[in-house]
């Protein structure tokens, strides 16, 4: 169980890092009957990108942190904390697994590092889930809102799916480590 938790936590950590860096949080939607599309717009936490005819990709980092909407600032902060906590959780899990494997004490030899890693993985999964789900919910709400103009409608980007997957893996790793510690 501990090795499985370590694999889940490692993949969840990499997914958290990838979701934070990816610019595909919001992707332009094509709602009209026009099938000829010349550009695709991606909006991420750190930059916007425009892909023209699938050949040329041009990305631009946001100019000022102060000009960002407050939810985006909060999502950046949550994802940065989640990245740091996921790395720390993974390192604690490695130490806990190594200590437990080298211990000859049986059930008494379960390290406190296992519990700390489990709780930290659970917290990290929750921190990833909040901005990803909030963004997904706002995209769906705006998509079906008739007040939002068609060019401003967006679809769920790949980074959201990576974030949901990594949050699920982090929560599973945390549950496994907490279960191992409770036995």
Protein backbone atom coordinates (compact mmCIF):
# COMPACT_ATOMS: atom_id res chain seq x y z
CA UNK A 1 0.00 0.00 0.00
CA UNK A 2 2.81 2.39 0.81
CA UNK A 3 4.51 1.88 -2.55
CA UNK A 4 1.18 2.35 -4.33
CA UNK A 5 0.64 5.55 -2.36
CA UNK A 6 4.13 6.69 -3.32
CA UNK A 7 3.39 6.10 -7.01
CA UNK A 8 0.01 7.86 -6.78
CA UNK A 9 1.58 10.76 -4.91
CA UNK A 10 4.45 11.06 -7.39
CA UNK A 11 2.15 11.08 -10.41
CA UNK A 12 -0.19 13.52 -8.61
CA UNK A 13 2.77 15.78 -7.84
CA UNK A 14 3.87 15.82 -11.49
CA UNK A 15 0.26 16.47 -12.56
CA UNK A 16 0.03 19.39 -10.14
CA UNK A 17 3.21 20.91 -11.55
CA UNK A 18 1.95 20.39 -15.11
CA UNK A 19 -1.54 21.80 -14.47
CA UNK A 20 -0.06 24.90 -12.88
CA UNK A 21 2.26 25.58 -15.81
CA UNK A 22 -0.13 24.72 -18.65
CA UNK A 23 -1.83 27.62 -20.45
CA UNK A 24 -4.92 25.56 -21.38
CA UNK A 25 -7.19 26.33 -18.43
CA UNK A 26 -9.79 28.05 -20.62
CA UNK A 27 -9.96 27.33 -24.35
CA UNK A 28 -11.96 29.28 -26.92
CA UNK A 29 -15.30 27.71 -27.78
CA UNK A 30 -16.84 27.47 -31.23
CA UNK A 31 -20.55 27.78 -30.76
CA UNK A 32 -21.60 29.24 -34.11
CA UNK A 33 -22.04 27.27 -37.31
CA UNK A 34 -18.73 28.56 -38.65
CA UNK A 35 -16.41 25.59 -39.08
CA UNK A 36 -13.52 27.63 -40.49
CA UNK A 37 -11.47 28.59 -37.44
CA UNK A 38 -8.33 30.65 -37.85
CA UNK A 39 -7.23 30.96 -34.25
CA UNK A 40 -7.58 29.21 -30.93
CA UNK A 41 -7.25 31.14 -27.68
CA UNK A 42 -5.86 29.56 -24.52
CA UNK A 43 -6.04 31.26 -21.14
CA UNK A 44 -3.94 30.01 -18.24
CA UNK A 45 -2.80 31.10 -14.81
CA UNK A 46 0.37 32.73 -16.08
CA UNK A 47 -0.20 33.56 -19.75
CA UNK A 48 -2.55 33.76 -22.71
CA UNK A 49 -1.73 32.01 -25.98
CA UNK A 50 -3.12 32.29 -29.48
CA UNK A 51 -2.63 29.49 -31.99
CA UNK A 52 -3.17 30.61 -35.58
CA UNK A 53 -4.20 27.86 -37.99
CA UNK A 54 -2.54 25.31 -35.70
CA UNK A 55 0.84 26.38 -37.06
CA UNK A 56 1.93 29.49 -35.21
CA UNK A 57 1.70 29.71 -31.41
CA UNK A 58 2.16 33.06 -29.73
CA UNK A 59 2.11 33.33 -25.94
CA UNK A 60 2.27 36.38 -23.70
CA UNK A 61 2.72 36.46 -19.94
CA UNK A 62 0.32 38.69 -18.04
CA UNK A 63 1.77 42.20 -17.76
CA UNK A 64 0.95 43.04 -14.17
CA UNK A 65 -0.06 41.04 -11.15
CA UNK A 66 -2.12 44.00 -9.97
CA UNK A 67 -4.20 43.98 -13.17
CA UNK A 68 -5.33 40.37 -12.72
CA UNK A 69 -8.82 39.58 -11.48
CA UNK A 70 -8.87 38.54 -7.80
CA UNK A 71 -9.98 34.93 -8.47
CA UNK A 72 -7.00 34.41 -10.79
CA UNK A 73 -4.63 35.76 -8.15
CA UNK A 74 -6.14 33.38 -5.59
CA UNK A 75 -5.92 30.42 -7.99
CA UNK A 76 -2.26 31.19 -8.67
CA UNK A 77 -1.54 31.30 -4.95
CA UNK A 78 -3.42 28.06 -4.24
CA UNK A 79 -1.66 26.22 -7.05
CA UNK A 80 1.77 27.49 -5.96
CA UNK A 81 1.12 26.37 -2.38
CA UNK A 82 -0.13 23.04 -3.73
CA UNK A 83 3.05 22.59 -5.79
CA UNK A 84 5.30 23.19 -2.79
CA UNK A 85 3.18 21.01 -0.52
CA UNK A 86 3.08 18.19 -3.07
CA UNK A 87 6.88 18.11 -3.28
CA UNK A 88 7.13 18.19 0.52
CA UNK A 89 4.51 15.44 0.83
CA UNK A 90 6.33 13.26 -1.67
CA UNK A 91 9.64 13.67 0.18
CA UNK A 92 7.95 12.85 3.51
CA UNK A 93 6.40 9.76 1.92
CA UNK A 94 9.80 8.60 0.67
CA UNK A 95 11.30 9.02 4.15
CA UNK A 96 8.31 7.28 5.75
CA UNK A 97 8.41 4.31 3.37
CA UNK A 98 12.18 3.96 3.78
CA UNK A 99 11.92 4.10 7.59
CA UNK A 100 9.03 1.63 7.66
CA UNK A 101 10.78 -0.83 5.33
CA UNK A 102 13.98 -0.77 7.38
CA UNK A 103 12.16 -1.07 10.71
CA UNK A 104 11.84 -4.52 12.25
CA UNK A 105 9.17 -3.52 14.76
CA UNK A 106 6.15 -4.57 12.65
CA UNK A 107 2.98 -2.55 13.16
CA UNK A 108 4.68 -0.40 15.80
CA UNK A 109 7.33 0.62 13.29
CA UNK A 110 5.01 2.71 11.15
CA UNK A 111 6.64 6.08 11.06
CA UNK A 112 4.96 9.36 11.89
CA UNK A 113 6.27 10.45 8.48
CA UNK A 114 3.58 8.23 6.94
CA UNK A 115 0.84 10.12 8.79
CA UNK A 116 2.34 13.52 7.93
CA UNK A 117 2.64 12.51 4.26
CA UNK A 118 -0.94 11.23 4.22
CA UNK A 119 -2.39 14.40 5.72
CA UNK A 120 -0.22 16.57 3.47
CA UNK A 121 -1.33 14.63 0.36
CA UNK A 122 -4.98 15.06 1.39
CA UNK A 123 -4.44 18.79 1.90
CA UNK A 124 -2.61 19.11 -1.42
CA UNK A 125 -5.37 17.29 -3.29
CA UNK A 126 -7.93 19.65 -1.77
CA UNK A 127 -5.82 22.70 -2.67
CA UNK A 128 -5.62 21.52 -6.30
CA UNK A 129 -9.31 20.67 -6.44
CA UNK A 130 -10.50 24.13 -5.37
CA UNK A 131 -9.14 26.30 -8.25
CA UNK A 132 -9.63 23.61 -10.88
CA UNK A 133 -13.26 22.93 -9.95
CA UNK A 134 -14.03 26.61 -9.45
CA UNK A 135 -12.66 27.43 -12.91
CA UNK A 136 -14.56 24.52 -14.46
CA UNK A 137 -17.78 25.63 -12.81
CA UNK A 138 -17.40 29.21 -14.00
CA UNK A 139 -16.68 28.05 -17.56
CA UNK A 140 -19.81 25.89 -17.63
CA UNK A 141 -21.92 28.65 -16.06
CA UNK A 142 -20.69 31.26 -18.59
CA UNK A 143 -21.10 28.86 -21.51
CA UNK A 144 -24.82 28.44 -20.87
CA UNK A 145 -25.42 32.07 -19.90
CA UNK A 146 -27.20 33.90 -22.76
CA UNK A 147 -25.84 37.23 -21.45
CA UNK A 148 -22.24 36.23 -22.28
CA UNK A 149 -21.33 37.14 -25.88
CA UNK A 150 -20.41 34.18 -28.12
CA UNK A 151 -16.77 35.25 -28.69
CA UNK A 152 -16.18 35.28 -24.92
CA UNK A 153 -17.48 31.77 -24.29
CA UNK A 154 -14.81 29.27 -23.29
CA UNK A 155 -14.54 25.49 -22.95
CA UNK A 156 -12.76 23.32 -20.40
CA UNK A 157 -9.06 23.14 -21.17
CA UNK A 158 -6.66 20.24 -20.82
CA UNK A 159 -5.09 21.70 -17.68
CA UNK A 160 -8.38 21.28 -15.82
CA UNK A 161 -8.53 17.58 -16.65
CA UNK A 162 -4.89 17.16 -15.58
CA UNK A 163 -5.72 19.01 -12.36
CA UNK A 164 -8.74 16.83 -11.61
CA UNK A 165 -6.72 13.68 -12.28
CA UNK A 166 -3.81 14.78 -10.12
CA UNK A 167 -6.16 15.85 -7.31
CA UNK A 168 -7.78 12.40 -7.38
CA UNK A 169 -4.36 10.71 -7.23
CA UNK A 170 -3.20 12.96 -4.39
CA UNK A 171 -6.36 12.29 -2.40
CA UNK A 172 -5.98 8.54 -3.02
CA UNK A 173 -2.33 8.67 -1.89
CA UNK A 174 -3.32 10.56 1.25
CA UNK A 175 -6.07 8.07 2.01
CA UNK A 176 -3.68 5.14 1.53
CA UNK A 177 -1.06 6.64 3.85
CA UNK A 178 -3.61 7.52 6.53
CA UNK A 179 -4.97 3.97 6.26
CA UNK A 180 -1.47 2.51 6.59
CA UNK A 181 -0.83 4.59 9.69
CA UNK A 182 -4.14 3.65 11.32
CA UNK A 183 -3.54 -0.11 11.02
